[in-house]
Every structure is written in C-alpha cells, then in structure tokens.
Amino acid sequence: MDGGIFVFVMHGQAIVKRLDIRSDGFHIVSLAEPGNPDVIDPDHFDSVHIAGRVLGTIQLRNANEVAYS
C-alpha cells in the first residue's frame, strides 16, 4: 500500500505519516516536513508497528457544524 497515510507506533508514540516504499527502503514522511523523511531499511522495518490506515478526516468548524472528507 504505497502512498497511503498510516498511524505508526514508533518509539512508543503513535504518529500519523505517509508511507512511501522505494528501492532504498521505506520512507515514513511527515505531513508537516515532506522533504525530511525517516528512511527505514527493509531489514529493520519489523521495529515499526502500523496501527492502521487513515481513511478520512473530520474537521470541526464550529460547535454546530462538522465537515467530512
């Protein structure tokens, strides 16, 4: 599943980042800093836990309105 947004558990913390699978390894890309990915060698990917895939978002605009995407 290349290019998806996932919830990862790394170093005991849950984080939301994009996963890109490339020839030099797995690139876990921050949505805030896409030019500075964490690159994980395929031999060490077992240290990363994928908790789930992000399928959509909910954005609260105010107390009475919810926007779905």
C-alpha atoms as a PDB file:
ATOM      1  CA  MET A   1       0.000   0.000   0.000  1.00  0.00           C
ATOM      2  CA  ASP A   2       2.316   2.692  -1.220  1.00  0.00           C
ATOM      3  CA  GLY A   3       1.463   6.338  -0.751  1.00  0.00           C
ATOM      4  CA  GLY A   4      -1.128   5.907   1.960  1.00  0.00           C
ATOM      5  CA  ILE A   5      -1.457   7.777   5.230  1.00  0.00           C
ATOM      6  CA  PHE A   6      -0.992   5.496   8.229  1.00  0.00           C
ATOM      7  CA  VAL A   7      -0.890   5.555  12.016  1.00  0.00           C
ATOM      8  CA  PHE A   8       2.516   4.235  13.084  1.00  0.00           C
ATOM      9  CA  VAL A   9       3.752   3.365  16.549  1.00  0.00           C
ATOM     10  CA  MET A  10       7.417   4.318  16.723  1.00  0.00           C
ATOM     11  CA  HIS A  11       9.468   4.654  19.892  1.00  0.00           C
ATOM     12  CA  GLY A  12       6.311   4.215  21.982  1.00  0.00           C
ATOM     13  CA  GLN A  13       4.421   7.083  20.308  1.00  0.00           C
ATOM     14  CA  ALA A  14       1.528   6.997  17.846  1.00  0.00           C
ATOM     15  CA  ILE A  15       2.173   9.221  14.825  1.00  0.00           C
ATOM     16  CA  VAL A  16       0.324   9.878  11.566  1.00  0.00           C
ATOM     17  CA  LYS A  17       2.570   9.904   8.488  1.00  0.00           C
ATOM     18  CA  ARG A  18       2.650   8.906   4.830  1.00  0.00           C
ATOM     19  CA  LEU A  19       4.388   5.678   3.806  1.00  0.00           C
ATOM     20  CA  ASP A  20       6.347   5.604   0.537  1.00  0.00           C
ATOM     21  CA  ILE A  21       8.001   2.338  -0.484  1.00  0.00           C
ATOM     22  CA  ARG A  22      11.137   2.987  -2.545  1.00  0.00           C
ATOM     23  CA  SER A  23      14.113   0.962  -3.742  1.00  0.00           C
ATOM     24  CA  ASP A  24      16.319   2.246  -0.895  1.00  0.00           C
ATOM     25  CA  GLY A  25      13.829   1.434   1.851  1.00  0.00           C
ATOM     26  CA  PHE A  26      10.623   2.582   3.467  1.00  0.00           C
ATOM     27  CA  HIS A  27      10.197   6.343   3.652  1.00  0.00           C
ATOM     28  CA  ILE A  28       7.978   7.494   6.506  1.00  0.00           C
ATOM     29  CA  VAL A  29       7.156  11.051   5.533  1.00  0.00           C
ATOM     30  CA  SER A  30       5.970  13.740   7.917  1.00  0.00           C
ATOM     31  CA  LEU A  31       2.974  15.631   6.606  1.00  0.00           C
ATOM     32  CA  ALA A  32       4.486  18.827   8.032  1.00  0.00           C
ATOM     33  CA  GLU A  33       8.030  18.210   6.671  1.00  0.00           C
ATOM     34  CA  PRO A  34       7.752  16.154   3.463  1.00  0.00           C
ATOM     35  CA  GLY A  35      11.355  16.909   2.454  1.00  0.00           C
ATOM     36  CA  ASN A  36      12.829  15.217   5.525  1.00  0.00           C
ATOM     37  CA  PRO A  37      11.550  11.599   5.654  1.00  0.00           C
ATOM     38  CA  ASP A  38      12.606   8.911   8.102  1.00  0.00           C
ATOM     39  CA  VAL A  39      14.159   6.209   5.900  1.00  0.00           C
ATOM     40  CA  ILE A  40      13.993   2.704   7.324  1.00  0.00           C
ATOM     41  CA  ASP A  41      15.962  -0.134   5.804  1.00  0.00           C
ATOM     42  CA  PRO A  42      13.677  -3.081   4.913  1.00  0.00           C
ATOM     43  CA  ASP A  43      15.689  -5.297   7.301  1.00  0.00           C
ATOM     44  CA  HIS A  44      14.699  -3.040  10.222  1.00  0.00           C
ATOM     45  CA  PHE A  45      11.060  -2.399   9.343  1.00  0.00           C
ATOM     46  CA  ASP A  46       9.941  -5.007  11.893  1.00  0.00           C
ATOM     47  CA  SER A  47      10.683  -2.402  14.605  1.00  0.00           C
ATOM     48  CA  VAL A  48       7.826  -0.233  13.272  1.00  0.00           C
ATOM     49  CA  HIS A  49       4.208  -1.095  14.026  1.00  0.00           C
ATOM     50  CA  ILE A  50       1.478   0.027  11.629  1.00  0.00           C
ATOM     51  CA  ALA A  51      -1.614   0.544  13.788  1.00  0.00           C
ATOM     52  CA  GLY A  52      -3.976   1.417  10.934  1.00  0.00           C
ATOM     53  CA  ARG A  53      -4.621   3.312   7.738  1.00  0.00           C
ATOM     54  CA  VAL A  54      -6.232   6.761   7.681  1.00  0.00           C
ATOM     55  CA  LEU A  55      -9.353   6.579   5.523  1.00  0.00           C
ATOM     56  CA  GLY A  56     -10.738  10.062   6.060  1.00  0.00           C
ATOM     57  CA  THR A  57     -10.791  13.092   8.284  1.00  0.00           C
ATOM     58  CA  ILE A  58     -13.315  15.073  10.263  1.00  0.00           C
ATOM     59  CA  GLN A  59     -12.767  18.785  10.715  1.00  0.00           C
ATOM     60  CA  LEU A  60     -14.775  20.710  13.293  1.00  0.00           C
ATOM     61  CA  ARG A  61     -15.536  24.187  12.005  1.00  0.00           C
ATOM     62  CA  ASN A  62     -17.658  25.279  14.952  1.00  0.00           C
ATOM     63  CA  ALA A  63     -19.772  23.653  17.628  1.00  0.00           C
ATOM     64  CA  ASN A  64     -22.728  23.030  15.265  1.00  0.00           C
ATOM     65  CA  GLU A  65     -21.000  22.105  12.002  1.00  0.00           C
ATOM     66  CA  VAL A  66     -18.822  19.140  11.021  1.00  0.00           C
ATOM     67  CA  ALA A  67     -17.028  18.774   7.650  1.00  0.00           C
ATOM     68  CA  TYR A  68     -16.222  15.258   6.397  1.00  0.00           C
ATOM     69  CA  SER A  69     -13.629  14.410   3.765  1.00  0.00           C
END
